Amino acid sequence: MRTATRRLPPAARGPLSVAVLELVSAGPPDGTARPAPAAGGDPWGQDHQLALHLCYELHDRRLPGAHPDWEWDPGLLAFRQSPERPFLAALRAEAGPVPPLADLVEDMLSATGGGGPSVYLLTEGERRQAREYLVHRSLYHLEEADP
């Protein structure tokens, strides 16, 4: 007989993730609690990324020990913007300018004769593009496999 394993929250990596974990594990929100906004720090750092993950996980599979009402708590949603904005800015800087979506889709369809992303990756894609495609597919399957 297989016993269910209990999910545990991840271990905090610094002050941001500590603040989120302590807040959501303290019981239901009362409308007044809000962690201090993220100031500085490395948007690629473990603490920053874990704090974002914890906030996002409230909308997905829930955090172990967190009251369900934290999902849409205005204070926590406002806090989430403080690590989210510098991360998105760093991501955009790393990725560089992105052509308009219509141009990208047109290039993919015309380059592959309508064969889709997998044919494009096979015939013209770069290794980094294939890796990114697989990452997104992995996340998609994770979300779809366990609603």
Protein backbone atom coordinates (compact mmCIF):
# COMPACT_ATOMS: atom_id res chain seq x y z
CA MET A 1 0.00 0.00 0.00
CA ARG A 2 1.40 3.35 -1.01
CA THR A 3 1.16 6.18 1.47
CA ALA A 4 0.80 9.77 0.35
CA THR A 5 3.81 11.93 0.96
CA ARG A 6 3.20 15.31 2.48
CA ARG A 7 4.51 18.25 0.50
CA LEU A 8 6.71 20.58 2.47
CA PRO A 9 7.33 24.22 1.61
CA PRO A 10 10.79 24.95 0.22
CA ALA A 11 13.48 26.22 2.55
CA ALA A 12 13.90 29.99 2.48
CA ARG A 13 16.94 31.39 0.68
CA GLY A 14 17.03 34.90 2.17
CA PRO A 15 14.94 37.76 3.56
CA LEU A 16 12.39 37.92 0.71
CA SER A 17 11.50 34.24 0.76
CA VAL A 18 11.53 34.24 4.59
CA ALA A 19 9.03 37.12 4.58
CA VAL A 20 6.67 35.36 2.15
CA LEU A 21 6.88 32.00 3.93
CA GLU A 22 6.30 33.52 7.36
CA LEU A 23 3.39 35.60 6.12
CA VAL A 24 1.46 32.86 4.32
CA SER A 25 2.04 30.26 7.04
CA ALA A 26 0.71 32.53 9.82
CA GLY A 27 -2.95 31.82 9.03
CA PRO A 28 -5.53 33.53 6.84
CA PRO A 29 -4.83 37.06 5.66
CA ASP A 30 -6.31 39.90 7.66
CA GLY A 31 -5.94 42.53 4.94
CA THR A 32 -3.17 44.46 6.69
CA ALA A 33 -0.09 42.26 6.39
CA ARG A 34 2.39 43.00 3.65
CA PRO A 35 6.06 42.05 3.40
CA ALA A 36 8.51 44.89 2.89
CA PRO A 37 9.09 45.51 -0.82
CA ALA A 38 12.15 43.94 -2.36
CA ALA A 39 14.93 46.48 -2.56
CA GLY A 40 17.97 45.86 -4.69
CA GLY A 41 19.31 42.35 -4.75
CA ASP A 42 20.01 40.10 -7.68
CA PRO A 43 16.86 39.40 -9.73
CA TRP A 44 18.50 36.12 -10.81
CA GLY A 45 19.39 35.20 -7.21
CA GLN A 46 17.85 32.26 -5.36
CA ASP A 47 16.04 34.37 -2.76
CA HIS A 48 14.49 36.63 -5.37
CA GLN A 49 13.43 33.72 -7.57
CA LEU A 50 12.07 31.69 -4.67
CA ALA A 51 10.00 34.63 -3.41
CA LEU A 52 8.43 34.94 -6.87
CA HIS A 53 7.90 31.19 -7.10
CA LEU A 54 6.16 31.14 -3.72
CA CYS A 55 3.81 33.94 -4.78
CA TYR A 56 3.03 32.21 -8.08
CA GLU A 57 2.60 28.80 -6.45
CA LEU A 58 -0.31 30.18 -4.42
CA HIS A 59 -2.22 30.34 -7.74
CA ASP A 60 -1.21 26.90 -8.95
CA ARG A 61 -0.87 23.96 -6.59
CA ARG A 62 -1.05 26.00 -3.38
CA LEU A 63 1.73 26.20 -0.85
CA PRO A 64 1.74 23.63 1.93
CA GLY A 65 0.50 25.28 5.12
CA ALA A 66 -0.76 28.42 3.36
CA HIS A 67 -4.39 29.48 3.74
CA PRO A 68 -6.17 29.54 0.34
CA ASP A 69 -7.21 33.19 0.82
CA TRP A 70 -3.59 34.29 0.31
CA GLU A 71 -3.98 33.62 -3.41
CA TRP A 72 -5.68 36.96 -4.06
CA ASP A 73 -4.63 38.97 -1.01
CA PRO A 74 -4.08 42.59 -2.20
CA GLY A 75 -1.09 43.14 0.09
CA LEU A 76 0.73 40.04 -1.14
CA LEU A 77 -0.12 40.83 -4.77
CA ALA A 78 1.31 44.32 -4.29
CA PHE A 79 4.45 42.87 -2.72
CA ARG A 80 4.86 40.44 -5.64
CA GLN A 81 5.40 43.38 -7.98
CA SER A 82 8.55 44.43 -6.13
CA PRO A 83 10.60 41.34 -7.08
CA GLU A 84 8.67 40.83 -10.33
CA ARG A 85 9.49 44.19 -11.92
CA PRO A 86 13.30 43.98 -11.60
CA PHE A 87 13.22 40.36 -12.75
CA LEU A 88 11.22 41.23 -15.87
CA ALA A 89 13.54 44.16 -16.57
CA ALA A 90 16.59 41.88 -16.25
CA LEU A 91 14.93 39.27 -18.44
CA ARG A 92 14.14 41.83 -21.14
CA ALA A 93 17.70 43.19 -21.00
CA GLU A 94 19.12 39.67 -21.31
CA ALA A 95 16.81 38.71 -24.19
CA GLY A 96 17.34 41.91 -26.14
CA PRO A 97 14.79 43.48 -28.46
CA VAL A 98 11.99 41.19 -29.52
CA PRO A 99 10.53 41.56 -33.01
CA PRO A 100 6.75 41.94 -33.32
CA LEU A 101 4.90 38.67 -32.81
CA ALA A 102 3.33 38.79 -36.27
CA ASP A 103 6.81 38.88 -37.84
CA LEU A 104 8.01 35.94 -35.75
CA VAL A 105 4.99 33.82 -36.60
CA GLU A 106 5.28 34.69 -40.28
CA ASP A 107 8.97 33.75 -40.30
CA MET A 108 8.28 30.44 -38.58
CA LEU A 109 5.45 29.51 -40.92
CA SER A 110 7.21 30.54 -44.12
CA ALA A 111 10.55 28.98 -43.13
CA THR A 112 8.98 25.61 -42.39
CA GLY A 113 6.25 25.42 -44.98
CA GLY A 114 3.67 25.34 -42.21
CA GLY A 115 5.33 22.49 -40.29
CA GLY A 116 5.23 24.23 -36.92
CA PRO A 117 7.84 24.90 -34.26
CA SER A 118 9.31 21.39 -34.23
CA VAL A 119 10.15 21.52 -37.96
CA TYR A 120 11.59 25.02 -37.57
CA LEU A 121 13.77 23.85 -34.69
CA LEU A 122 14.91 20.84 -36.69
CA THR A 123 15.77 22.75 -39.85
CA GLU A 124 16.87 26.19 -38.65
CA GLY A 125 16.64 26.35 -34.89
CA GLU A 126 19.54 26.91 -32.56
CA ARG A 127 20.28 24.81 -29.51
CA ARG A 128 19.18 27.61 -27.16
CA GLN A 129 15.82 27.84 -28.95
CA ALA A 130 15.24 24.10 -28.65
CA ARG A 131 16.12 24.22 -24.95
CA GLU A 132 13.68 27.08 -24.36
CA TYR A 133 10.97 25.25 -26.31
CA LEU A 134 11.47 22.15 -24.17
CA VAL A 135 11.36 24.19 -20.97
CA HIS A 136 8.01 25.68 -21.96
CA ARG A 137 6.66 22.30 -23.01
CA SER A 138 7.80 20.81 -19.69
CA LEU A 139 5.99 23.53 -17.73
CA TYR A 140 2.90 23.10 -19.87
CA HIS A 141 2.82 19.36 -19.24
CA LEU A 142 3.43 19.84 -15.53
CA GLU A 143 0.46 22.19 -15.29
CA GLU A 144 -1.81 20.08 -17.47
CA ALA A 145 -0.88 16.73 -15.93
CA ASP A 146 -1.79 17.65 -12.36
CA PRO A 147 -4.59 20.21 -12.12
